[in-house]
């Protein structure tokens, strides 16, 4: 298939990545839009969320990633996460890589979303072209009218699934026992350990993750908190 016959819809926020320009240079037809979900639509049911290693780690700790995964699955048949950069950076941006890999495992096993690594923008562009070149993409991607998710129960489950070792079944049991995500977050490790399928070890991991100071906390803020 000729590259000038291919079309990729790209989120406006991706301009600074340099990838749209790379695609345009080789002849791909690109359309820049403000996408409600994902960064690249390469086929009618294929959407890609591109994340740098640092953004991926950040989105895991602030809970954005699991909400994004839930919405990707809700609206597209073939969502994918594209992880761009050097994986060695994981050691630099988080003190506990196990939390990172736990989240990655959850994306692959609970959400069933493939995670594809690329080393840089050039390789990301090549991957996008390859995906767009597939036969089923020949009709070109289309935009959907996607409203922001307002399903409260789904949002609650998504927030709890961001905890280490917690899948949707365990998250549901947590809500059944505690009533709200806030009460789960403030529960003691002993209370969490009573959740079926969780256990004492995982309960302690959850509390450690919730109570550990973030590396993103500015030093000035840390001094203020210490002084108070």
N, C-alpha and C. Protein backbone atom coordinates (compact mmCIF):
# COMPACT_ATOMS: atom_id res chain seq x y z
N UNK A 1 0.84 -1.20 0.00
CA UNK A 1 0.00 0.00 0.00
C UNK A 1 0.88 1.26 0.00
N UNK A 2 0.52 2.24 -0.87
CA UNK A 2 1.27 3.48 -0.93
C UNK A 2 1.02 4.31 0.33
N UNK A 3 2.10 4.94 0.83
CA UNK A 3 1.99 5.71 2.06
C UNK A 3 1.05 6.89 1.93
N UNK A 4 0.96 7.47 0.71
CA UNK A 4 0.10 8.63 0.55
C UNK A 4 -1.39 8.28 0.55
N UNK A 5 -1.68 6.97 0.63
CA UNK A 5 -3.07 6.52 0.74
C UNK A 5 -3.48 6.30 2.19
N UNK A 6 -2.50 6.40 3.08
CA UNK A 6 -2.75 6.14 4.50
C UNK A 6 -3.12 7.43 5.23
N UNK A 7 -3.94 7.28 6.28
CA UNK A 7 -4.37 8.45 7.06
C UNK A 7 -4.35 8.10 8.54
N UNK A 8 -3.77 9.00 9.33
CA UNK A 8 -3.72 8.82 10.78
C UNK A 8 -4.26 10.09 11.44
N UNK A 9 -5.17 9.91 12.38
CA UNK A 9 -5.70 11.05 13.13
C UNK A 9 -4.89 11.17 14.42
N UNK A 10 -4.39 12.37 14.68
CA UNK A 10 -3.45 12.59 15.79
C UNK A 10 -3.97 13.66 16.74
N UNK A 11 -3.79 13.41 18.02
CA UNK A 11 -4.18 14.40 19.02
C UNK A 11 -3.26 15.62 18.95
N UNK A 12 -3.85 16.80 19.10
CA UNK A 12 -3.10 18.06 19.00
C UNK A 12 -1.91 18.11 19.95
N UNK A 13 -2.05 17.48 21.12
CA UNK A 13 -0.98 17.54 22.13
C UNK A 13 0.27 16.75 21.73
N UNK A 14 0.15 15.99 20.64
CA UNK A 14 1.29 15.21 20.17
C UNK A 14 2.23 15.99 19.25
N UNK A 15 1.87 17.22 18.92
CA UNK A 15 2.71 18.02 18.02
C UNK A 15 4.15 18.12 18.53
N UNK A 16 4.29 18.38 19.84
CA UNK A 16 5.62 18.61 20.41
C UNK A 16 6.50 17.35 20.43
N UNK A 17 5.89 16.19 20.22
CA UNK A 17 6.66 14.93 20.22
C UNK A 17 7.53 14.81 18.97
N UNK A 18 7.16 15.54 17.91
CA UNK A 18 7.89 15.44 16.65
C UNK A 18 7.40 14.32 15.75
N UNK A 19 6.54 13.45 16.27
CA UNK A 19 6.06 12.29 15.50
C UNK A 19 5.17 12.71 14.33
N UNK A 20 4.23 13.65 14.51
CA UNK A 20 3.40 14.07 13.36
C UNK A 20 4.24 14.55 12.18
N UNK A 21 5.30 15.29 12.46
CA UNK A 21 6.16 15.80 11.40
C UNK A 21 6.89 14.66 10.70
N UNK A 22 7.33 13.66 11.47
CA UNK A 22 7.99 12.49 10.88
C UNK A 22 7.05 11.76 9.94
N UNK A 23 5.79 11.60 10.36
CA UNK A 23 4.79 10.91 9.53
C UNK A 23 4.50 11.70 8.26
N UNK A 24 4.39 13.02 8.42
CA UNK A 24 4.10 13.89 7.28
C UNK A 24 5.24 13.86 6.27
N UNK A 25 6.47 13.80 6.77
CA UNK A 25 7.66 13.81 5.90
C UNK A 25 7.69 12.62 4.95
N UNK A 26 7.24 11.45 5.42
CA UNK A 26 7.28 10.25 4.57
C UNK A 26 6.01 10.11 3.71
N UNK A 27 5.09 11.07 3.82
CA UNK A 27 3.92 11.07 2.94
C UNK A 27 2.61 10.62 3.53
N UNK A 28 2.59 10.30 4.83
CA UNK A 28 1.34 9.90 5.48
C UNK A 28 0.40 11.10 5.59
N UNK A 29 -0.87 10.91 5.29
CA UNK A 29 -1.86 11.96 5.49
C UNK A 29 -2.22 12.02 6.96
N UNK A 30 -1.98 13.16 7.59
CA UNK A 30 -2.29 13.28 9.02
C UNK A 30 -3.36 14.34 9.23
N UNK A 31 -4.18 14.11 10.24
CA UNK A 31 -5.19 15.07 10.65
C UNK A 31 -5.01 15.35 12.13
N UNK A 32 -4.78 16.58 12.47
CA UNK A 32 -4.59 16.95 13.87
C UNK A 32 -5.95 17.34 14.46
N UNK A 33 -6.35 16.66 15.52
CA UNK A 33 -7.63 16.91 16.18
C UNK A 33 -7.41 16.91 17.69
N UNK A 34 -8.37 17.42 18.43
CA UNK A 34 -8.34 17.27 19.89
C UNK A 34 -9.12 16.00 20.21
N UNK A 35 -8.38 14.92 20.48
CA UNK A 35 -9.02 13.62 20.73
C UNK A 35 -9.41 13.47 22.19
N UNK A 36 -10.64 13.01 22.46
CA UNK A 36 -11.06 12.79 23.84
C UNK A 36 -10.40 11.58 24.49
N UNK A 37 -9.97 10.64 23.64
CA UNK A 37 -9.32 9.42 24.11
C UNK A 37 -8.17 9.07 23.17
N UNK A 38 -7.03 8.70 23.73
CA UNK A 38 -5.91 8.24 22.93
C UNK A 38 -5.16 9.36 22.23
N UNK A 39 -4.06 8.98 21.56
CA UNK A 39 -3.20 9.93 20.86
C UNK A 39 -3.19 9.75 19.35
N UNK A 40 -3.37 8.50 18.90
CA UNK A 40 -3.32 8.20 17.47
C UNK A 40 -4.43 7.21 17.11
N UNK A 41 -5.24 7.54 16.13
CA UNK A 41 -6.23 6.59 15.61
C UNK A 41 -5.70 6.15 14.25
N UNK A 42 -5.31 4.88 14.14
CA UNK A 42 -4.68 4.38 12.92
C UNK A 42 -5.61 3.48 12.11
N UNK A 43 -6.76 3.14 12.66
CA UNK A 43 -7.75 2.30 11.99
C UNK A 43 -9.09 2.54 12.70
N UNK A 44 -10.20 2.13 12.08
CA UNK A 44 -11.51 2.40 12.69
C UNK A 44 -11.65 1.96 14.14
N UNK A 45 -11.02 0.85 14.52
CA UNK A 45 -11.15 0.37 15.90
C UNK A 45 -9.80 0.25 16.60
N UNK A 46 -8.78 0.91 16.07
CA UNK A 46 -7.45 0.82 16.66
C UNK A 46 -6.97 2.19 17.11
N UNK A 47 -6.78 2.35 18.41
CA UNK A 47 -6.32 3.62 18.97
C UNK A 47 -5.08 3.35 19.81
N UNK A 48 -4.14 4.28 19.75
CA UNK A 48 -2.89 4.13 20.50
C UNK A 48 -2.73 5.27 21.48
N UNK A 49 -2.42 4.92 22.72
CA UNK A 49 -2.06 5.90 23.75
C UNK A 49 -0.54 5.86 23.88
N UNK A 50 0.13 6.95 23.49
CA UNK A 50 1.61 6.97 23.58
C UNK A 50 2.03 7.62 24.89
N UNK A 51 2.95 6.96 25.57
CA UNK A 51 3.46 7.51 26.82
C UNK A 51 4.97 7.35 26.89
N UNK A 52 5.65 8.41 27.31
CA UNK A 52 7.07 8.28 27.61
C UNK A 52 7.18 7.48 28.91
N UNK A 53 8.34 6.96 29.19
CA UNK A 53 8.54 6.19 30.43
C UNK A 53 8.16 7.04 31.65
N UNK A 54 8.60 8.28 31.67
CA UNK A 54 8.33 9.15 32.83
C UNK A 54 6.84 9.44 32.97
N UNK A 55 6.16 9.69 31.85
CA UNK A 55 4.73 9.97 31.92
C UNK A 55 3.95 8.72 32.33
N UNK A 56 4.42 7.58 31.87
CA UNK A 56 3.76 6.32 32.23
C UNK A 56 3.85 6.09 33.74
N UNK A 57 5.03 6.29 34.31
CA UNK A 57 5.21 6.13 35.75
C UNK A 57 4.33 7.13 36.51
N UNK A 58 4.35 8.38 36.06
CA UNK A 58 3.55 9.43 36.71
C UNK A 58 2.07 9.09 36.67
N UNK A 59 1.58 8.60 35.51
CA UNK A 59 0.16 8.30 35.36
C UNK A 59 -0.26 7.09 36.19
N UNK A 60 0.69 6.21 36.51
CA UNK A 60 0.40 5.07 37.38
C UNK A 60 0.16 5.56 38.81
N UNK A 61 1.05 6.45 39.27
CA UNK A 61 0.97 6.90 40.66
C UNK A 61 -0.18 7.88 40.91
N UNK A 62 -0.60 8.64 39.88
CA UNK A 62 -1.72 9.55 40.12
C UNK A 62 -3.07 8.95 39.71
N UNK A 63 -3.06 7.70 39.23
CA UNK A 63 -4.30 7.01 38.94
C UNK A 63 -4.87 7.27 37.55
N UNK A 64 -4.23 8.13 36.75
CA UNK A 64 -4.76 8.45 35.42
C UNK A 64 -4.76 7.24 34.49
N UNK A 65 -3.72 6.42 34.58
CA UNK A 65 -3.52 5.36 33.61
C UNK A 65 -4.68 4.37 33.57
N UNK A 66 -5.16 3.96 34.73
CA UNK A 66 -6.21 2.95 34.76
C UNK A 66 -7.55 3.51 34.26
N UNK A 67 -7.78 4.79 34.53
CA UNK A 67 -8.98 5.43 34.00
C UNK A 67 -8.89 5.51 32.48
N UNK A 68 -7.71 5.84 31.97
CA UNK A 68 -7.51 5.90 30.52
C UNK A 68 -7.72 4.53 29.88
N UNK A 69 -7.20 3.49 30.53
CA UNK A 69 -7.35 2.13 30.00
C UNK A 69 -8.82 1.72 29.95
N UNK A 70 -9.56 2.06 30.99
CA UNK A 70 -10.99 1.72 31.03
C UNK A 70 -11.74 2.39 29.90
N UNK A 71 -11.41 3.65 29.62
CA UNK A 71 -12.09 4.39 28.55
C UNK A 71 -11.66 3.90 27.17
N UNK A 72 -10.39 3.55 27.03
CA UNK A 72 -9.91 3.00 25.76
C UNK A 72 -10.66 1.71 25.42
N UNK A 73 -10.80 0.83 26.41
CA UNK A 73 -11.50 -0.44 26.21
C UNK A 73 -12.99 -0.24 25.95
N UNK A 74 -13.54 0.78 26.58
CA UNK A 74 -14.98 1.05 26.44
C UNK A 74 -15.34 1.49 25.02
N UNK A 75 -14.45 2.22 24.37
CA UNK A 75 -14.80 2.85 23.09
C UNK A 75 -14.10 2.27 21.86
N UNK A 76 -13.04 1.49 22.06
CA UNK A 76 -12.32 0.93 20.91
C UNK A 76 -12.10 -0.57 21.09
N UNK A 77 -12.21 -1.29 19.99
CA UNK A 77 -12.02 -2.74 20.05
C UNK A 77 -10.55 -3.12 20.21
N UNK A 78 -9.67 -2.31 19.63
CA UNK A 78 -8.24 -2.63 19.66
C UNK A 78 -7.41 -1.45 20.20
N UNK A 79 -7.47 -1.19 21.49
CA UNK A 79 -6.61 -0.15 22.07
C UNK A 79 -5.21 -0.70 22.35
N UNK A 80 -4.22 0.17 22.32
CA UNK A 80 -2.85 -0.23 22.63
C UNK A 80 -2.16 0.88 23.42
N UNK A 81 -1.22 0.48 24.27
CA UNK A 81 -0.36 1.43 24.97
C UNK A 81 1.02 1.36 24.34
N UNK A 82 1.53 2.50 23.90
CA UNK A 82 2.87 2.55 23.31
C UNK A 82 3.80 3.19 24.33
N UNK A 83 4.78 2.44 24.79
CA UNK A 83 5.71 2.89 25.83
C UNK A 83 7.02 3.30 25.16
N UNK A 84 7.27 4.61 25.11
CA UNK A 84 8.42 5.12 24.37
C UNK A 84 9.56 5.57 25.29
N UNK A 85 10.77 5.09 24.99
CA UNK A 85 11.92 5.53 25.76
C UNK A 85 12.77 4.38 26.26
N UNK A 86 13.74 4.72 27.08
CA UNK A 86 14.68 3.74 27.64
C UNK A 86 14.12 3.22 28.97
N UNK A 87 13.87 1.92 29.05
CA UNK A 87 13.27 1.35 30.25
C UNK A 87 14.17 1.50 31.49
N UNK A 88 15.45 1.76 31.27
CA UNK A 88 16.35 1.99 32.41
C UNK A 88 15.94 3.22 33.22
N UNK A 89 15.17 4.12 32.59
CA UNK A 89 14.69 5.32 33.28
C UNK A 89 13.76 4.98 34.44
N UNK A 90 13.16 3.80 34.40
CA UNK A 90 12.23 3.39 35.46
C UNK A 90 12.92 3.47 36.82
N UNK A 91 14.18 3.05 36.86
CA UNK A 91 14.94 3.07 38.11
C UNK A 91 15.18 4.50 38.59
N UNK A 92 15.20 5.46 37.65
CA UNK A 92 15.47 6.85 38.00
C UNK A 92 14.24 7.57 38.54
N UNK A 93 13.06 7.18 38.07
CA UNK A 93 11.85 7.95 38.41
C UNK A 93 10.97 7.30 39.49
N UNK A 94 11.29 6.09 39.90
CA UNK A 94 10.53 5.48 41.00
C UNK A 94 11.44 4.64 41.88
N UNK A 95 11.19 4.70 43.16
CA UNK A 95 12.00 3.93 44.10
C UNK A 95 11.55 2.48 44.15
N UNK A 96 10.33 2.21 43.66
CA UNK A 96 9.81 0.85 43.71
C UNK A 96 9.33 0.40 42.32
N UNK A 97 10.24 -0.15 41.51
CA UNK A 97 9.86 -0.61 40.17
C UNK A 97 8.77 -1.68 40.19
N UNK A 98 8.62 -2.40 41.31
CA UNK A 98 7.60 -3.44 41.39
C UNK A 98 6.20 -2.86 41.23
N UNK A 99 6.00 -1.64 41.73
CA UNK A 99 4.69 -0.98 41.56
C UNK A 99 4.45 -0.72 40.07
N UNK A 100 5.50 -0.28 39.38
CA UNK A 100 5.41 -0.04 37.94
C UNK A 100 5.05 -1.32 37.20
N UNK A 101 5.78 -2.38 37.49
CA UNK A 101 5.53 -3.64 36.77
C UNK A 101 4.20 -4.27 37.18
N UNK A 102 3.77 -4.00 38.40
CA UNK A 102 2.45 -4.47 38.82
C UNK A 102 1.36 -3.80 38.00
N UNK A 103 1.52 -2.51 37.76
CA UNK A 103 0.55 -1.77 36.95
C UNK A 103 0.57 -2.25 35.50
N UNK A 104 1.77 -2.48 34.97
CA UNK A 104 1.90 -2.98 33.60
C UNK A 104 1.23 -4.35 33.47
N UNK A 105 1.41 -5.18 34.48
CA UNK A 105 0.78 -6.51 34.48
C UNK A 105 -0.74 -6.39 34.48
N UNK A 106 -1.24 -5.42 35.26
CA UNK A 106 -2.68 -5.21 35.33
C UNK A 106 -3.25 -4.77 33.98
N UNK A 107 -2.51 -3.90 33.28
CA UNK A 107 -2.96 -3.45 31.96
C UNK A 107 -3.07 -4.62 31.00
N UNK A 108 -2.04 -5.48 31.02
CA UNK A 108 -1.99 -6.61 30.09
C UNK A 108 -2.99 -7.71 30.45
N UNK A 109 -3.12 -8.01 31.76
CA UNK A 109 -3.95 -9.14 32.18
C UNK A 109 -5.39 -8.77 32.52
N UNK A 110 -5.58 -7.65 33.22
CA UNK A 110 -6.94 -7.25 33.62
C UNK A 110 -7.66 -6.50 32.49
N UNK A 111 -6.97 -5.55 31.88
CA UNK A 111 -7.60 -4.78 30.80
C UNK A 111 -7.40 -5.44 29.43
N UNK A 112 -6.43 -6.37 29.35
CA UNK A 112 -6.11 -7.06 28.09
C UNK A 112 -5.74 -6.07 26.98
N UNK A 113 -4.93 -5.07 27.36
CA UNK A 113 -4.43 -4.08 26.41
C UNK A 113 -2.95 -4.35 26.15
N UNK A 114 -2.54 -4.56 24.89
CA UNK A 114 -1.12 -4.79 24.60
C UNK A 114 -0.28 -3.55 24.91
N UNK A 115 0.95 -3.78 25.37
CA UNK A 115 1.89 -2.70 25.64
C UNK A 115 3.10 -2.92 24.73
N UNK A 116 3.36 -1.96 23.85
CA UNK A 116 4.43 -2.09 22.88
C UNK A 116 5.52 -1.06 23.16
N UNK A 117 6.76 -1.51 23.40
CA UNK A 117 7.85 -0.54 23.66
C UNK A 117 8.52 -0.08 22.37
N UNK A 118 8.90 1.20 22.33
CA UNK A 118 9.72 1.73 21.24
C UNK A 118 10.81 2.59 21.88
N UNK A 119 12.01 2.64 21.29
CA UNK A 119 13.10 3.39 21.93
C UNK A 119 13.03 4.90 21.74
N UNK A 120 12.39 5.35 20.65
CA UNK A 120 12.36 6.79 20.38
C UNK A 120 11.25 7.14 19.40
N UNK A 121 11.11 8.46 19.09
CA UNK A 121 10.04 8.94 18.22
C UNK A 121 10.12 8.35 16.81
N UNK A 122 11.34 8.19 16.30
CA UNK A 122 11.50 7.64 14.95
C UNK A 122 10.92 6.23 14.84
N UNK A 123 11.20 5.40 15.84
CA UNK A 123 10.67 4.04 15.83
C UNK A 123 9.16 4.03 16.10
N UNK A 124 8.69 4.98 16.90
CA UNK A 124 7.25 5.10 17.13
C UNK A 124 6.54 5.40 15.82
N UNK A 125 7.08 6.31 15.02
CA UNK A 125 6.49 6.66 13.73
C UNK A 125 6.43 5.44 12.81
N UNK A 126 7.51 4.65 12.80
CA UNK A 126 7.54 3.43 11.96
C UNK A 126 6.47 2.44 12.40
N UNK A 127 6.28 2.30 13.71
CA UNK A 127 5.27 1.38 14.23
C UNK A 127 3.87 1.85 13.83
N UNK A 128 3.62 3.14 13.94
CA UNK A 128 2.31 3.69 13.57
C UNK A 128 2.02 3.46 12.09
N UNK A 129 3.03 3.64 11.24
CA UNK A 129 2.87 3.41 9.80
C UNK A 129 2.53 1.94 9.55
N UNK A 130 3.22 1.05 10.25
CA UNK A 130 2.99 -0.39 10.09
C UNK A 130 1.56 -0.76 10.48
N UNK A 131 1.09 -0.20 11.57
CA UNK A 131 -0.28 -0.48 12.02
C UNK A 131 -1.31 0.06 11.04
N UNK A 132 -1.05 1.25 10.54
CA UNK A 132 -1.97 1.88 9.61
C UNK A 132 -1.99 1.17 8.25
N UNK A 133 -0.91 0.45 7.92
CA UNK A 133 -0.78 -0.21 6.62
C UNK A 133 -1.53 -1.53 6.54
N UNK A 134 -1.98 -2.03 7.68
CA UNK A 134 -2.69 -3.31 7.70
C UNK A 134 -3.97 -3.23 6.86
N UNK A 135 -4.39 -4.37 6.29
CA UNK A 135 -5.53 -4.40 5.37
C UNK A 135 -6.80 -3.83 5.99
N UNK A 136 -7.04 -4.17 7.28
CA UNK A 136 -8.28 -3.72 7.90
C UNK A 136 -8.30 -2.22 8.14
N UNK A 137 -7.11 -1.58 7.98
CA UNK A 137 -7.06 -0.13 8.17
C UNK A 137 -7.25 0.63 6.86
N UNK A 138 -7.44 -0.11 5.76
CA UNK A 138 -7.45 0.52 4.45
C UNK A 138 -8.58 1.54 4.26
N UNK A 139 -9.69 1.37 4.97
CA UNK A 139 -10.81 2.30 4.82
C UNK A 139 -10.56 3.62 5.56
N UNK A 140 -9.53 3.63 6.34
CA UNK A 140 -9.19 4.87 7.06
C UNK A 140 -9.90 4.96 8.39
N UNK A 141 -9.25 5.60 9.37
CA UNK A 141 -9.84 5.73 10.70
C UNK A 141 -10.98 6.75 10.72
N UNK A 142 -11.79 6.66 11.73
CA UNK A 142 -12.88 7.62 11.88
C UNK A 142 -12.93 8.12 13.31
N UNK A 143 -13.54 9.27 13.48
CA UNK A 143 -13.68 9.85 14.82
C UNK A 143 -15.02 9.47 15.42
N UNK A 144 -15.01 9.19 16.70
CA UNK A 144 -16.25 8.86 17.41
C UNK A 144 -16.67 10.03 18.29
N UNK A 145 -17.96 10.11 18.52
CA UNK A 145 -18.45 11.07 19.50
C UNK A 145 -18.35 10.41 20.87
N UNK A 146 -17.36 10.79 21.62
CA UNK A 146 -17.09 10.15 22.90
C UNK A 146 -17.31 11.15 24.03
N UNK A 147 -18.21 10.82 24.90
CA UNK A 147 -18.45 11.68 26.05
C UNK A 147 -17.56 11.24 27.22
N UNK A 148 -17.31 12.17 28.10
CA UNK A 148 -16.53 11.84 29.28
C UNK A 148 -17.29 10.81 30.12
N UNK A 149 -16.55 9.86 30.64
CA UNK A 149 -17.17 8.81 31.44
C UNK A 149 -17.75 9.38 32.73
N UNK A 150 -19.02 9.05 32.98
CA UNK A 150 -19.65 9.50 34.22
C UNK A 150 -20.20 8.31 35.02
N UNK A 151 -19.69 7.13 34.67
CA UNK A 151 -20.10 5.93 35.39
C UNK A 151 -19.34 5.89 36.72
N UNK A 152 -20.03 6.27 37.79
CA UNK A 152 -19.39 6.39 39.10
C UNK A 152 -18.78 5.07 39.56
N UNK A 153 -19.51 3.97 39.39
CA UNK A 153 -18.99 2.68 39.84
C UNK A 153 -17.72 2.30 39.08
N UNK A 154 -17.71 2.56 37.77
CA UNK A 154 -16.53 2.25 36.97
C UNK A 154 -15.34 3.09 37.43
N UNK A 155 -15.57 4.36 37.71
CA UNK A 155 -14.51 5.23 38.19
C UNK A 155 -13.97 4.76 39.53
N UNK A 156 -14.86 4.31 40.41
CA UNK A 156 -14.44 3.81 41.72
C UNK A 156 -13.59 2.55 41.58
N UNK A 157 -14.03 1.63 40.74
CA UNK A 157 -13.28 0.39 40.52
C UNK A 157 -11.91 0.69 39.90
N UNK A 158 -11.89 1.63 38.95
CA UNK A 158 -10.65 2.00 38.29
C UNK A 158 -9.64 2.56 39.28
N UNK A 159 -10.10 3.41 40.19
CA UNK A 159 -9.20 4.00 41.18
C UNK A 159 -8.61 2.93 42.09
N UNK A 160 -9.41 1.93 42.46
CA UNK A 160 -8.91 0.86 43.34
C UNK A 160 -8.00 -0.11 42.59
N UNK A 161 -8.24 -0.30 41.29
CA UNK A 161 -7.39 -1.19 40.50
C UNK A 161 -5.98 -0.62 40.32
N UNK A 162 -5.80 0.66 40.65
CA UNK A 162 -4.46 1.25 40.57
C UNK A 162 -3.58 0.81 41.73
N UNK A 163 -4.18 0.21 42.75
CA UNK A 163 -3.40 -0.26 43.90
C UNK A 163 -2.64 -1.54 43.54
N UNK A 164 -1.44 -1.72 44.08
CA UNK A 164 -0.64 -2.91 43.73
C UNK A 164 -1.34 -4.21 44.11
N UNK A 165 -1.42 -5.12 43.15
CA UNK A 165 -2.00 -6.43 43.41
C UNK A 165 -3.51 -6.47 43.44
N UNK A 166 -4.16 -5.38 42.99
CA UNK A 166 -5.62 -5.32 43.04
C UNK A 166 -6.20 -5.35 41.63
N UNK A 167 -6.97 -6.40 41.35
CA UNK A 167 -7.71 -6.50 40.08
C UNK A 167 -9.16 -6.11 40.31
N UNK A 168 -9.98 -6.25 39.28
CA UNK A 168 -11.37 -5.79 39.38
C UNK A 168 -12.17 -6.58 40.42
N UNK A 169 -11.93 -7.89 40.52
CA UNK A 169 -12.67 -8.70 41.50
C UNK A 169 -12.35 -8.26 42.93
N UNK A 170 -11.06 -8.06 43.21
CA UNK A 170 -10.66 -7.61 44.55
C UNK A 170 -11.19 -6.21 44.82
N UNK A 171 -11.15 -5.34 43.81
CA UNK A 171 -11.66 -3.98 43.96
C UNK A 171 -13.15 -4.00 44.31
N UNK A 172 -13.89 -4.90 43.67
CA UNK A 172 -15.33 -5.03 43.95
C UNK A 172 -15.55 -5.47 45.39
N UNK A 173 -14.74 -6.43 45.86
CA UNK A 173 -14.86 -6.88 47.25
C UNK A 173 -14.55 -5.74 48.21
N UNK A 174 -13.57 -4.91 47.87
CA UNK A 174 -13.22 -3.76 48.71
C UNK A 174 -14.40 -2.80 48.85
N UNK A 175 -15.04 -2.52 47.72
CA UNK A 175 -16.19 -1.60 47.76
C UNK A 175 -17.35 -2.22 48.54
N UNK A 176 -17.53 -3.52 48.40
CA UNK A 176 -18.60 -4.19 49.14
C UNK A 176 -18.37 -4.11 50.64
N UNK A 177 -17.08 -4.17 51.05
CA UNK A 177 -16.77 -4.17 52.48
C UNK A 177 -16.72 -2.76 53.07
N UNK A 178 -16.07 -1.83 52.35
CA UNK A 178 -15.82 -0.50 52.91
C UNK A 178 -16.81 0.57 52.43
N UNK A 179 -17.44 0.34 51.30
CA UNK A 179 -18.48 1.27 50.85
C UNK A 179 -18.01 2.37 49.91
N UNK A 180 -16.75 2.80 50.02
CA UNK A 180 -16.24 3.86 49.15
C UNK A 180 -14.72 3.73 49.01
N UNK A 181 -14.14 4.26 47.91
CA UNK A 181 -12.69 4.21 47.74
C UNK A 181 -11.95 4.94 48.86
N UNK A 182 -12.51 6.05 49.35
CA UNK A 182 -11.85 6.81 50.41
C UNK A 182 -11.67 5.95 51.66
N UNK A 183 -12.69 5.19 52.02
CA UNK A 183 -12.59 4.34 53.21
C UNK A 183 -11.59 3.19 52.99
N UNK A 184 -11.44 2.76 51.73
CA UNK A 184 -10.42 1.75 51.42
C UNK A 184 -9.03 2.34 51.63
N UNK A 185 -8.81 3.56 51.10
CA UNK A 185 -7.51 4.21 51.20
C UNK A 185 -7.10 4.51 52.63
N UNK A 186 -8.09 4.73 53.50
CA UNK A 186 -7.79 5.08 54.88
C UNK A 186 -7.85 3.87 55.82
N UNK A 187 -8.17 2.70 55.28
CA UNK A 187 -8.24 1.49 56.11
C UNK A 187 -6.85 1.07 56.57
N UNK A 188 -6.78 0.38 57.69
CA UNK A 188 -5.50 -0.15 58.18
C UNK A 188 -5.12 -1.39 57.38
N UNK A 189 -3.86 -1.77 57.45
CA UNK A 189 -3.42 -2.97 56.74
C UNK A 189 -4.13 -4.21 57.28
N UNK A 190 -4.43 -4.21 58.58
CA UNK A 190 -5.15 -5.34 59.18
C UNK A 190 -6.56 -5.46 58.61
N UNK A 191 -7.21 -4.31 58.41
CA UNK A 191 -8.55 -4.32 57.83
C UNK A 191 -8.52 -4.76 56.38
N UNK A 192 -7.51 -4.29 55.64
CA UNK A 192 -7.39 -4.67 54.23
C UNK A 192 -7.10 -6.16 54.08
N UNK A 193 -6.31 -6.70 55.01
CA UNK A 193 -5.91 -8.12 54.94
C UNK A 193 -7.11 -9.06 55.03
N UNK A 194 -8.23 -8.56 55.57
CA UNK A 194 -9.42 -9.39 55.72
C UNK A 194 -10.20 -9.55 54.41
N UNK A 195 -9.82 -8.75 53.40
CA UNK A 195 -10.48 -8.86 52.10
C UNK A 195 -10.10 -10.19 51.46
N UNK A 196 -11.09 -10.94 51.00
CA UNK A 196 -10.84 -12.24 50.40
C UNK A 196 -9.89 -12.12 49.20
N UNK A 197 -8.84 -12.92 49.19
CA UNK A 197 -7.89 -12.93 48.09
C UNK A 197 -6.79 -11.90 48.18
N UNK A 198 -6.81 -11.08 49.25
CA UNK A 198 -5.78 -10.04 49.36
C UNK A 198 -4.63 -10.50 50.25
N UNK A 199 -4.93 -10.77 51.52
CA UNK A 199 -3.89 -11.28 52.42
C UNK A 199 -3.05 -10.19 53.06
N UNK A 200 -2.31 -10.58 54.08
CA UNK A 200 -1.53 -9.63 54.88
C UNK A 200 -0.39 -8.99 54.10
N UNK A 201 0.34 -9.79 53.30
CA UNK A 201 1.50 -9.27 52.57
C UNK A 201 1.11 -8.19 51.58
N UNK A 202 0.06 -8.46 50.79
CA UNK A 202 -0.36 -7.48 49.79
C UNK A 202 -0.99 -6.25 50.45
N UNK A 203 -1.67 -6.48 51.58
CA UNK A 203 -2.27 -5.37 52.32
C UNK A 203 -1.18 -4.40 52.80
N UNK A 204 -0.06 -4.96 53.26
CA UNK A 204 1.06 -4.13 53.72
C UNK A 204 1.69 -3.37 52.55
N UNK A 205 1.78 -4.02 51.38
CA UNK A 205 2.32 -3.36 50.19
C UNK A 205 1.45 -2.16 49.80
N UNK A 206 0.14 -2.35 49.88
CA UNK A 206 -0.80 -1.28 49.53
C UNK A 206 -0.61 -0.09 50.47
N UNK A 207 -0.54 -0.37 51.78
CA UNK A 207 -0.37 0.71 52.76
C UNK A 207 0.97 1.41 52.58
N UNK A 208 2.00 0.64 52.27
CA UNK A 208 3.33 1.23 52.07
C UNK A 208 3.31 2.18 50.87
N UNK A 209 2.65 1.76 49.78
CA UNK A 209 2.56 2.59 48.59
C UNK A 209 1.77 3.87 48.87
N UNK A 210 0.66 3.75 49.60
CA UNK A 210 -0.19 4.90 49.89
C UNK A 210 0.47 5.89 50.84
N UNK A 211 1.29 5.39 51.75
CA UNK A 211 1.86 6.24 52.80
C UNK A 211 3.26 6.76 52.48
N UNK A 212 3.91 6.20 51.45
CA UNK A 212 5.27 6.65 51.11
C UNK A 212 5.24 8.03 50.47
N UNK A 213 6.23 8.86 50.83
CA UNK A 213 6.31 10.20 50.26
C UNK A 213 6.70 10.10 48.78
N UNK A 214 6.05 10.92 47.97
CA UNK A 214 6.31 10.92 46.54
C UNK A 214 7.63 11.61 46.20
N UNK A 215 8.34 11.08 45.21
CA UNK A 215 9.56 11.72 44.74
C UNK A 215 9.25 13.00 43.97
N UNK A 216 7.97 13.15 43.57
CA UNK A 216 7.58 14.34 42.82
C UNK A 216 7.31 15.52 43.76
N UNK A 217 7.28 15.26 45.09
CA UNK A 217 7.05 16.33 46.05
C UNK A 217 8.25 17.26 46.06
N UNK A 218 7.99 18.55 45.84
CA UNK A 218 9.08 19.52 45.78
C UNK A 218 9.76 19.66 47.13
N UNK A 219 11.07 19.89 47.10
CA UNK A 219 11.84 19.99 48.34
C UNK A 219 11.33 21.11 49.23
N UNK A 220 10.91 22.22 48.63
CA UNK A 220 10.40 23.34 49.42
C UNK A 220 9.14 22.95 50.16
N UNK A 221 8.30 22.14 49.51
CA UNK A 221 7.07 21.66 50.13
C UNK A 221 7.39 20.72 51.26
N UNK A 222 8.42 19.85 51.04
CA UNK A 222 8.82 18.91 52.06
C UNK A 222 9.30 19.64 53.32
N UNK A 223 10.07 20.75 53.12
CA UNK A 223 10.56 21.52 54.27
C UNK A 223 9.41 22.18 55.03
N UNK A 224 8.43 22.66 54.27
CA UNK A 224 7.27 23.30 54.88
C UNK A 224 6.51 22.32 55.75
N UNK A 225 6.33 21.09 55.17
CA UNK A 225 5.61 20.06 55.92
C UNK A 225 6.38 19.66 57.17
N UNK A 226 7.72 19.58 57.03
CA UNK A 226 8.56 19.19 58.16
C UNK A 226 8.51 20.26 59.26
N UNK A 227 8.57 21.52 58.83
CA UNK A 227 8.57 22.63 59.81
C UNK A 227 7.25 22.75 60.56
N UNK A 228 6.16 22.37 59.85
CA UNK A 228 4.85 22.49 60.50
C UNK A 228 4.62 21.33 61.46
